[in-house]
Amino acid sequence: MSGAAPVLLLSMPQLTDPNFARTVILLCDYTEEGAFGLVVNRQMTEPAWTMIKTEPPVKVDPDLRLWAGGPVDPQQTWVLMAEAHGPDEEQREICPGVLLSVSRQLTMQILQTPPSTRARVVVGYAGWGPGQLDVELASASWITTEVDPALIFNTPPDDMWETAIRRLGTDPTALHARGGVH
Protein backbone atom coordinates (compact mmCIF):
# COMPACT_ATOMS: atom_id res chain seq x y z
CA MET A 1 0.00 0.00 0.00
CA SER A 2 3.07 2.23 -0.03
CA GLY A 3 2.34 5.49 -1.83
CA ALA A 4 -1.34 5.46 -0.81
CA ALA A 5 -1.06 8.65 1.27
CA PRO A 6 -2.84 10.81 2.00
CA VAL A 7 -5.48 8.73 3.74
CA LEU A 8 -7.01 8.57 7.19
CA LEU A 9 -6.08 5.60 9.35
CA LEU A 10 -8.79 4.56 11.81
CA SER A 11 -7.57 2.32 14.60
CA MET A 12 -9.29 -1.00 15.18
CA PRO A 13 -10.37 -2.08 18.70
CA GLN A 14 -7.47 -4.53 19.07
CA LEU A 15 -5.04 -1.60 18.88
CA THR A 16 -4.86 -1.05 22.63
CA ASP A 17 -1.64 0.99 22.74
CA PRO A 18 -2.82 4.14 24.59
CA ASN A 19 -1.11 6.28 21.94
CA PHE A 20 -3.37 4.84 19.24
CA ALA A 21 -6.58 3.47 20.79
CA ARG A 22 -9.58 5.05 19.03
CA THR A 23 -7.39 7.33 16.94
CA VAL A 24 -7.80 8.95 13.58
CA ILE A 25 -4.45 9.56 11.90
CA LEU A 26 -3.87 11.75 8.88
CA LEU A 27 -1.29 9.69 6.98
CA CYS A 28 0.76 12.31 5.15
CA ASP A 29 3.62 10.22 3.73
CA TYR A 30 3.87 6.51 3.00
CA THR A 31 6.94 5.33 1.10
CA GLU A 32 9.39 2.44 1.10
CA GLU A 33 11.38 4.36 3.74
CA GLY A 34 8.43 4.40 6.15
CA ALA A 35 5.35 6.42 6.98
CA PHE A 36 4.54 9.71 8.69
CA GLY A 37 1.20 10.81 10.08
CA LEU A 38 -0.49 13.01 12.64
CA VAL A 39 -3.16 11.96 15.10
CA VAL A 40 -5.98 14.45 14.46
CA ASN A 41 -8.43 13.59 17.24
CA ARG A 42 -6.37 14.08 20.41
CA GLN A 43 -6.69 17.56 21.80
CA MET A 44 -4.67 18.01 24.99
CA THR A 45 -6.58 18.95 28.12
CA GLU A 46 -3.92 21.23 29.60
CA PRO A 47 -3.89 24.82 28.35
CA ALA A 48 -1.10 25.43 25.85
CA TRP A 49 0.35 28.25 27.96
CA THR A 50 1.27 25.75 30.70
CA MET A 51 3.44 23.78 28.25
CA ILE A 52 4.89 26.36 25.87
CA LYS A 53 8.25 27.78 26.83
CA THR A 54 9.76 30.04 24.17
CA GLU A 55 12.67 32.46 23.99
CA PRO A 56 11.75 35.21 23.82
CA PRO A 57 8.59 34.44 25.81
CA VAL A 58 5.24 34.86 24.05
CA LYS A 59 1.82 35.37 25.59
CA VAL A 60 -0.08 32.22 24.63
CA ASP A 61 -3.86 32.58 24.37
CA PRO A 62 -5.29 31.23 27.67
CA ASP A 63 -7.97 29.16 25.91
CA LEU A 64 -5.69 27.51 23.34
CA ARG A 65 -5.04 23.76 23.54
CA LEU A 66 -2.34 21.86 21.69
CA TRP A 67 -3.01 18.63 19.80
CA ALA A 68 -1.09 15.38 20.40
CA GLY A 69 0.06 14.28 16.96
CA GLY A 70 1.69 11.09 18.17
CA PRO A 71 4.36 9.72 20.48
CA VAL A 72 7.40 10.42 18.26
CA ASP A 73 9.46 13.59 18.79
CA PRO A 74 7.11 15.42 21.22
CA GLN A 75 9.26 18.59 20.97
CA GLN A 76 8.48 18.99 17.25
CA THR A 77 5.47 21.10 16.26
CA TRP A 78 3.43 21.37 13.10
CA VAL A 79 0.55 23.59 12.12
CA LEU A 80 -2.35 21.70 10.58
CA MET A 81 -4.74 24.06 8.82
CA ALA A 82 -7.75 24.19 6.54
CA GLU A 83 -6.51 27.12 4.47
CA ALA A 84 -3.17 28.64 3.54
CA HIS A 85 -1.39 30.97 5.98
CA GLY A 86 1.90 32.64 5.17
CA PRO A 87 4.39 31.99 2.37
CA ASP A 88 3.76 28.99 0.10
CA GLU A 89 7.26 27.59 0.64
CA GLU A 90 6.49 27.17 4.36
CA GLN A 91 3.47 24.93 3.86
CA ARG A 92 2.53 21.81 2.03
CA GLU A 93 -0.87 20.79 0.77
CA ILE A 94 -1.58 17.27 2.03
CA CYS A 95 -4.85 17.24 0.06
CA PRO A 96 -7.41 19.91 -0.87
CA GLY A 97 -8.52 21.60 2.36
CA VAL A 98 -5.67 20.23 4.51
CA LEU A 99 -2.29 21.95 4.71
CA LEU A 100 0.72 21.34 6.91
CA SER A 101 3.40 23.81 7.96
CA VAL A 102 6.53 23.70 10.10
CA SER A 103 6.85 27.50 10.15
CA ARG A 104 7.95 28.71 13.57
CA GLN A 105 6.51 32.16 12.81
CA LEU A 106 3.10 30.69 11.97
CA THR A 107 3.23 28.48 15.08
CA MET A 108 3.93 31.52 17.28
CA GLN A 109 1.12 33.48 15.57
CA ILE A 110 -1.44 30.72 16.18
CA LEU A 111 -0.33 30.27 19.79
CA GLN A 112 -1.07 33.94 20.48
CA THR A 113 -4.53 34.12 18.90
CA PRO A 114 -7.87 32.77 20.09
CA PRO A 115 -8.42 29.10 19.23
CA SER A 116 -9.73 28.32 15.76
CA THR A 117 -11.26 25.15 14.38
CA ARG A 118 -9.42 25.91 11.10
CA ALA A 119 -5.83 25.76 12.42
CA ARG A 120 -4.14 23.86 15.20
CA VAL A 121 -0.68 23.38 16.65
CA VAL A 122 0.19 19.69 16.70
CA VAL A 123 2.96 18.29 18.91
CA GLY A 124 4.73 15.03 18.02
CA TYR A 125 3.84 12.61 15.26
CA ALA A 126 3.13 8.98 14.41
CA GLY A 127 5.92 7.28 12.50
CA TRP A 128 6.57 3.84 11.09
CA GLY A 129 9.81 2.33 9.83
CA PRO A 130 10.14 0.56 6.46
CA GLY A 131 7.39 -2.07 6.13
CA GLN A 132 6.05 -1.55 9.67
CA LEU A 133 2.75 0.03 8.63
CA ASP A 134 2.33 -2.67 5.94
CA VAL A 135 2.42 -5.29 8.70
CA GLU A 136 -0.07 -3.37 10.85
CA LEU A 137 -2.45 -2.94 7.91
CA ALA A 138 -2.17 -6.65 7.01
CA SER A 139 -2.99 -7.58 10.61
CA ALA A 140 -6.13 -5.39 10.46
CA SER A 141 -4.92 -2.90 13.08
CA TRP A 142 -6.15 -0.04 10.89
CA ILE A 143 -8.96 0.75 8.48
CA THR A 144 -8.22 3.32 5.78
CA THR A 145 -10.60 5.92 4.41
CA GLU A 146 -10.40 9.06 2.30
CA VAL A 147 -9.29 12.29 3.94
CA ASP A 148 -12.24 14.53 4.71
CA PRO A 149 -11.23 18.04 5.84
CA ALA A 150 -14.70 18.54 7.39
CA LEU A 151 -14.17 15.48 9.59
CA ILE A 152 -10.78 16.82 10.74
CA PHE A 153 -11.73 20.44 11.29
CA ASN A 154 -15.47 20.38 12.06
CA THR A 155 -16.02 17.22 14.13
CA PRO A 156 -15.41 17.32 17.90
CA PRO A 157 -12.26 15.30 18.62
CA ASP A 158 -14.03 12.90 21.01
CA ASP A 159 -16.57 12.04 18.28
CA MET A 160 -14.22 11.83 15.30
CA TRP A 161 -13.25 8.13 15.46
CA GLU A 162 -16.84 6.91 15.78
CA THR A 163 -18.07 9.36 13.13
CA ALA A 164 -15.40 8.17 10.69
CA ILE A 165 -16.23 4.48 11.31
CA ARG A 166 -19.97 5.13 10.84
CA ARG A 167 -19.28 6.95 7.55
CA LEU A 168 -17.85 3.67 6.29
CA GLY A 169 -21.26 2.11 6.93
CA THR A 170 -20.08 0.21 9.98
CA ASP A 171 -21.33 0.31 13.55
CA PRO A 172 -18.23 0.67 15.77
CA THR A 173 -19.68 -1.90 18.19
CA ALA A 174 -19.72 -4.42 15.31
CA LEU A 175 -15.94 -4.25 15.01
CA HIS A 176 -14.28 -6.95 17.00
CA ALA A 177 -10.76 -7.55 18.19
CA ARG A 178 -9.92 -10.06 15.44
CA GLY A 179 -10.22 -7.33 12.82
CA GLY A 180 -13.06 -6.58 10.48
CA VAL A 181 -16.79 -6.78 11.05
CA HIS A 182 -18.85 -9.63 12.48
C-alpha atoms as a PDB file:
ATOM      1  CA  MET A   1       0.000   0.000   0.000  1.00  0.00           C
ATOM      2  CA  SER A   2       3.072   2.226  -0.031  1.00  0.00           C
ATOM      3  CA  GLY A   3       2.336   5.487  -1.832  1.00  0.00           C
ATOM      4  CA  ALA A   4      -1.335   5.463  -0.806  1.00  0.00           C
ATOM      5  CA  ALA A   5      -1.058   8.647   1.272  1.00  0.00           C
ATOM      6  CA  PRO A   6      -2.844  10.813   1.996  1.00  0.00           C
ATOM      7  CA  VAL A   7      -5.482   8.729   3.745  1.00  0.00           C
ATOM      8  CA  LEU A   8      -7.006   8.570   7.187  1.00  0.00           C
ATOM      9  CA  LEU A   9      -6.078   5.600   9.354  1.00  0.00           C
ATOM     10  CA  LEU A  10      -8.790   4.560  11.811  1.00  0.00           C
ATOM     11  CA  SER A  11      -7.573   2.322  14.604  1.00  0.00           C
ATOM     12  CA  MET A  12      -9.285  -0.999  15.184  1.00  0.00           C
ATOM     13  CA  PRO A  13     -10.371  -2.076  18.702  1.00  0.00           C
ATOM     14  CA  GLN A  14      -7.467  -4.528  19.066  1.00  0.00           C
ATOM     15  CA  LEU A  15      -5.041  -1.604  18.883  1.00  0.00           C
ATOM     16  CA  THR A  16      -4.856  -1.051  22.635  1.00  0.00           C
ATOM     17  CA  ASP A  17      -1.642   0.995  22.738  1.00  0.00           C
ATOM     18  CA  PRO A  18      -2.824   4.137  24.592  1.00  0.00           C
ATOM     19  CA  ASN A  19      -1.111   6.276  21.939  1.00  0.00           C
ATOM     20  CA  PHE A  20      -3.369   4.843  19.242  1.00  0.00           C
ATOM     21  CA  ALA A  21      -6.583   3.471  20.789  1.00  0.00           C
ATOM     22  CA  ARG A  22      -9.582   5.047  19.025  1.00  0.00           C
ATOM     23  CA  THR A  23      -7.391   7.333  16.941  1.00  0.00           C
ATOM     24  CA  VAL A  24      -7.798   8.954  13.583  1.00  0.00           C
ATOM     25  CA  ILE A  25      -4.453   9.557  11.897  1.00  0.00           C
ATOM     26  CA  LEU A  26      -3.867  11.747   8.878  1.00  0.00           C
ATOM     27  CA  LEU A  27      -1.292   9.686   6.980  1.00  0.00           C
ATOM     28  CA  CYS A  28       0.756  12.308   5.151  1.00  0.00           C
ATOM     29  CA  ASP A  29       3.620  10.225   3.727  1.00  0.00           C
ATOM     30  CA  TYR A  30       3.869   6.511   3.001  1.00  0.00           C
ATOM     31  CA  THR A  31       6.941   5.325   1.103  1.00  0.00           C
ATOM     32  CA  GLU A  32       9.392   2.441   1.099  1.00  0.00           C
ATOM     33  CA  GLU A  33      11.383   4.360   3.743  1.00  0.00           C
ATOM     34  CA  GLY A  34       8.434   4.405   6.150  1.00  0.00           C
ATOM     35  CA  ALA A  35       5.349   6.415   6.984  1.00  0.00           C
ATOM     36  CA  PHE A  36       4.537   9.714   8.692  1.00  0.00           C
ATOM     37  CA  GLY A  37       1.196  10.813  10.082  1.00  0.00           C
ATOM     38  CA  LEU A  38      -0.494  13.013  12.641  1.00  0.00           C
ATOM     39  CA  VAL A  39      -3.162  11.956  15.097  1.00  0.00           C
ATOM     40  CA  VAL A  40      -5.977  14.450  14.457  1.00  0.00           C
ATOM     41  CA  ASN A  41      -8.433  13.587  17.244  1.00  0.00           C
ATOM     42  CA  ARG A  42      -6.366  14.083  20.414  1.00  0.00           C
ATOM     43  CA  GLN A  43      -6.692  17.564  21.801  1.00  0.00           C
ATOM     44  CA  MET A  44      -4.669  18.005  24.986  1.00  0.00           C
ATOM     45  CA  THR A  45      -6.577  18.950  28.117  1.00  0.00           C
ATOM     46  CA  GLU A  46      -3.917  21.226  29.604  1.00  0.00           C
ATOM     47  CA  PRO A  47      -3.892  24.823  28.351  1.00  0.00           C
ATOM     48  CA  ALA A  48      -1.096  25.433  25.848  1.00  0.00           C
ATOM     49  CA  TRP A  49       0.346  28.252  27.957  1.00  0.00           C
ATOM     50  CA  THR A  50       1.271  25.749  30.698  1.00  0.00           C
ATOM     51  CA  MET A  51       3.437  23.775  28.251  1.00  0.00           C
ATOM     52  CA  ILE A  52       4.889  26.359  25.867  1.00  0.00           C
ATOM     53  CA  LYS A  53       8.252  27.784  26.829  1.00  0.00           C
ATOM     54  CA  THR A  54       9.765  30.045  24.172  1.00  0.00           C
ATOM     55  CA  GLU A  55      12.666  32.465  23.987  1.00  0.00           C
ATOM     56  CA  PRO A  56      11.755  35.214  23.822  1.00  0.00           C
ATOM     57  CA  PRO A  57       8.587  34.445  25.805  1.00  0.00           C
ATOM     58  CA  VAL A  58       5.241  34.858  24.047  1.00  0.00           C
ATOM     59  CA  LYS A  59       1.817  35.369  25.589  1.00  0.00           C
ATOM     60  CA  VAL A  60      -0.083  32.217  24.634  1.00  0.00           C
ATOM     61  CA  ASP A  61      -3.855  32.582  24.374  1.00  0.00           C
ATOM     62  CA  PRO A  62      -5.293  31.226  27.668  1.00  0.00           C
ATOM     63  CA  ASP A  63      -7.974  29.159  25.909  1.00  0.00           C
ATOM     64  CA  LEU A  64      -5.693  27.513  23.342  1.00  0.00           C
ATOM     65  CA  ARG A  65      -5.042  23.757  23.537  1.00  0.00           C
ATOM     66  CA  LEU A  66      -2.337  21.860  21.687  1.00  0.00           C
ATOM     67  CA  TRP A  67      -3.015  18.627  19.798  1.00  0.00           C
ATOM     68  CA  ALA A  68      -1.089  15.384  20.403  1.00  0.00           C
ATOM     69  CA  GLY A  69       0.061  14.277  16.961  1.00  0.00           C
ATOM     70  CA  GLY A  70       1.689  11.085  18.170  1.00  0.00           C
ATOM     71  CA  PRO A  71       4.361   9.716  20.475  1.00  0.00           C
ATOM     72  CA  VAL A  72       7.399  10.423  18.259  1.00  0.00           C
ATOM     73  CA  ASP A  73       9.459  13.594  18.795  1.00  0.00           C
ATOM     74  CA  PRO A  74       7.112  15.420  21.220  1.00  0.00           C
ATOM     75  CA  GLN A  75       9.259  18.588  20.975  1.00  0.00           C
ATOM     76  CA  GLN A  76       8.483  18.991  17.248  1.00  0.00           C
ATOM     77  CA  THR A  77       5.473  21.101  16.264  1.00  0.00           C
ATOM     78  CA  TRP A  78       3.431  21.371  13.098  1.00  0.00           C
ATOM     79  CA  VAL A  79       0.548  23.592  12.123  1.00  0.00           C
ATOM     80  CA  LEU A  80      -2.345  21.702  10.579  1.00  0.00           C
ATOM     81  CA  MET A  81      -4.745  24.057   8.822  1.00  0.00           C
ATOM     82  CA  ALA A  82      -7.745  24.187   6.538  1.00  0.00           C
ATOM     83  CA  GLU A  83      -6.513  27.122   4.466  1.00  0.00           C
ATOM     84  CA  ALA A  84      -3.171  28.643   3.540  1.00  0.00           C
ATOM     85  CA  HIS A  85      -1.393  30.967   5.980  1.00  0.00           C
ATOM     86  CA  GLY A  86       1.898  32.643   5.167  1.00  0.00           C
ATOM     87  CA  PRO A  87       4.393  31.987   2.372  1.00  0.00           C
ATOM     88  CA  ASP A  88       3.765  28.991   0.099  1.00  0.00           C
ATOM     89  CA  GLU A  89       7.261  27.593   0.640  1.00  0.00           C
ATOM     90  CA  GLU A  90       6.492  27.169   4.360  1.00  0.00           C
ATOM     91  CA  GLN A  91       3.473  24.933   3.863  1.00  0.00           C
ATOM     92  CA  ARG A  92       2.530  21.806   2.031  1.00  0.00           C
ATOM     93  CA  GLU A  93      -0.873  20.791   0.767  1.00  0.00           C
ATOM     94  CA  ILE A  94      -1.578  17.273   2.025  1.00  0.00           C
ATOM     95  CA  CYS A  95      -4.846  17.242   0.063  1.00  0.00           C
ATOM     96  CA  PRO A  96      -7.405  19.912  -0.865  1.00  0.00           C
ATOM     97  CA  GLY A  97      -8.521  21.596   2.355  1.00  0.00           C
ATOM     98  CA  VAL A  98      -5.668  20.229   4.510  1.00  0.00           C
ATOM     99  CA  LEU A  99      -2.289  21.946   4.711  1.00  0.00           C
ATOM    100  CA  LEU A 100       0.725  21.337   6.911  1.00  0.00           C
ATOM    101  CA  SER A 101       3.397  23.810   7.964  1.00  0.00           C
ATOM    102  CA  VAL A 102       6.534  23.698  10.098  1.00  0.00           C
ATOM    103  CA  SER A 103       6.851  27.500  10.154  1.00  0.00           C
ATOM    104  CA  ARG A 104       7.949  28.709  13.567  1.00  0.00           C
ATOM    105  CA  GLN A 105       6.510  32.159  12.810  1.00  0.00           C
ATOM    106  CA  LEU A 106       3.096  30.686  11.975  1.00  0.00           C
ATOM    107  CA  THR A 107       3.226  28.483  15.081  1.00  0.00           C
ATOM    108  CA  MET A 108       3.930  31.524  17.276  1.00  0.00           C
ATOM    109  CA  GLN A 109       1.119  33.482  15.566  1.00  0.00           C
ATOM    110  CA  ILE A 110      -1.441  30.724  16.177  1.00  0.00           C
ATOM    111  CA  LEU A 111      -0.333  30.268  19.789  1.00  0.00           C
ATOM    112  CA  GLN A 112      -1.073  33.944  20.481  1.00  0.00           C
ATOM    113  CA  THR A 113      -4.529  34.120  18.898  1.00  0.00           C
ATOM    114  CA  PRO A 114      -7.871  32.765  20.092  1.00  0.00           C
ATOM    115  CA  PRO A 115      -8.423  29.096  19.227  1.00  0.00           C
ATOM    116  CA  SER A 116      -9.728  28.315  15.763  1.00  0.00           C
ATOM    117  CA  THR A 117     -11.256  25.146  14.382  1.00  0.00           C
ATOM    118  CA  ARG A 118      -9.424  25.906  11.104  1.00  0.00           C
ATOM    119  CA  ALA A 119      -5.830  25.762  12.421  1.00  0.00           C
ATOM    120  CA  ARG A 120      -4.137  23.859  15.204  1.00  0.00           C
ATOM    121  CA  VAL A 121      -0.685  23.377  16.649  1.00  0.00           C
ATOM    122  CA  VAL A 122       0.193  19.692  16.699  1.00  0.00           C
ATOM    123  CA  VAL A 123       2.961  18.286  18.906  1.00  0.00           C
ATOM    124  CA  GLY A 124       4.734  15.034  18.017  1.00  0.00           C
ATOM    125  CA  TYR A 125       3.843  12.610  15.259  1.00  0.00           C
ATOM    126  CA  ALA A 126       3.129   8.983  14.415  1.00  0.00           C
ATOM    127  CA  GLY A 127       5.916   7.285  12.500  1.00  0.00           C
ATOM    128  CA  TRP A 128       6.573   3.836  11.094  1.00  0.00           C
ATOM    129  CA  GLY A 129       9.815   2.331   9.826  1.00  0.00           C
ATOM    130  CA  PRO A 130      10.135   0.558   6.462  1.00  0.00           C
ATOM    131  CA  GLY A 131       7.393  -2.072   6.129  1.00  0.00           C
ATOM    132  CA  GLN A 132       6.053  -1.550   9.666  1.00  0.00           C
ATOM    133  CA  LEU A 133       2.754   0.028   8.625  1.00  0.00           C
ATOM    134  CA  ASP A 134       2.327  -2.666   5.940  1.00  0.00           C
ATOM    135  CA  VAL A 135       2.424  -5.295   8.698  1.00  0.00           C
ATOM    136  CA  GLU A 136      -0.066  -3.365  10.851  1.00  0.00           C
ATOM    137  CA  LEU A 137      -2.449  -2.942   7.909  1.00  0.00           C
ATOM    138  CA  ALA A 138      -2.169  -6.646   7.011  1.00  0.00           C
ATOM    139  CA  SER A 139      -2.994  -7.578  10.613  1.00  0.00           C
ATOM    140  CA  ALA A 140      -6.131  -5.389  10.461  1.00  0.00           C
ATOM    141  CA  SER A 141      -4.921  -2.900  13.075  1.00  0.00           C
ATOM    142  CA  TRP A 142      -6.150  -0.041  10.890  1.00  0.00           C
ATOM    143  CA  ILE A 143      -8.963   0.752   8.475  1.00  0.00           C
ATOM    144  CA  THR A 144      -8.220   3.317   5.780  1.00  0.00           C
ATOM    145  CA  THR A 145     -10.596   5.920   4.412  1.00  0.00           C
ATOM    146  CA  GLU A 146     -10.399   9.058   2.302  1.00  0.00           C
ATOM    147  CA  VAL A 147      -9.291  12.286   3.936  1.00  0.00           C
ATOM    148  CA  ASP A 148     -12.237  14.534   4.707  1.00  0.00           C
ATOM    149  CA  PRO A 149     -11.234  18.037   5.842  1.00  0.00           C
ATOM    150  CA  ALA A 150     -14.701  18.544   7.389  1.00  0.00           C
ATOM    151  CA  LEU A 151     -14.169  15.483   9.587  1.00  0.00           C
ATOM    152  CA  ILE A 152     -10.779  16.815  10.737  1.00  0.00           C
ATOM    153  CA  PHE A 153     -11.728  20.443  11.295  1.00  0.00           C
ATOM    154  CA  ASN A 154     -15.469  20.382  12.059  1.00  0.00           C
ATOM    155  CA  THR A 155     -16.023  17.223  14.132  1.00  0.00           C
ATOM    156  CA  PRO A 156     -15.411  17.318  17.900  1.00  0.00           C
ATOM    157  CA  PRO A 157     -12.258  15.297  18.625  1.00  0.00           C
ATOM    158  CA  ASP A 158     -14.028  12.901  21.009  1.00  0.00           C
ATOM    159  CA  ASP A 159     -16.574  12.042  18.275  1.00  0.00           C
ATOM    160  CA  MET A 160     -14.218  11.830  15.296  1.00  0.00           C
ATOM    161  CA  TRP A 161     -13.249   8.133  15.458  1.00  0.00           C
ATOM    162  CA  GLU A 162     -16.839   6.906  15.777  1.00  0.00           C
ATOM    163  CA  THR A 163     -18.072   9.359  13.133  1.00  0.00           C
ATOM    164  CA  ALA A 164     -15.404   8.169  10.685  1.00  0.00           C
ATOM    165  CA  ILE A 165     -16.226   4.484  11.314  1.00  0.00           C
ATOM    166  CA  ARG A 166     -19.969   5.135  10.842  1.00  0.00           C
ATOM    167  CA  ARG A 167     -19.276   6.955   7.550  1.00  0.00           C
ATOM    168  CA  LEU A 168     -17.855   3.671   6.292  1.00  0.00           C
ATOM    169  CA  GLY A 169     -21.260   2.114   6.929  1.00  0.00           C
ATOM    170  CA  THR A 170     -20.081   0.206   9.978  1.00  0.00           C
ATOM    171  CA  ASP A 171     -21.333   0.311  13.550  1.00  0.00           C
ATOM    172  CA  PRO A 172     -18.235   0.670  15.772  1.00  0.00           C
ATOM    173  CA  THR A 173     -19.680  -1.903  18.194  1.00  0.00           C
ATOM    174  CA  ALA A 174     -19.716  -4.421  15.309  1.00  0.00           C
ATOM    175  CA  LEU A 175     -15.937  -4.247  15.010  1.00  0.00           C
ATOM    176  CA  HIS A 176     -14.276  -6.955  17.002  1.00  0.00           C
ATOM    177  CA  ALA A 177     -10.765  -7.549  18.188  1.00  0.00           C
ATOM    178  CA  ARG A 178      -9.921 -10.061  15.438  1.00  0.00           C
ATOM    179  CA  GLY A 179     -10.225  -7.329  12.816  1.00  0.00           C
ATOM    180  CA  GLY A 180     -13.061  -6.582  10.478  1.00  0.00           C
ATOM    181  CA  VAL A 181     -16.793  -6.777  11.052  1.00  0.00           C
ATOM    182  CA  HIS A 182     -18.850  -9.627  12.478  1.00  0.00           C
END
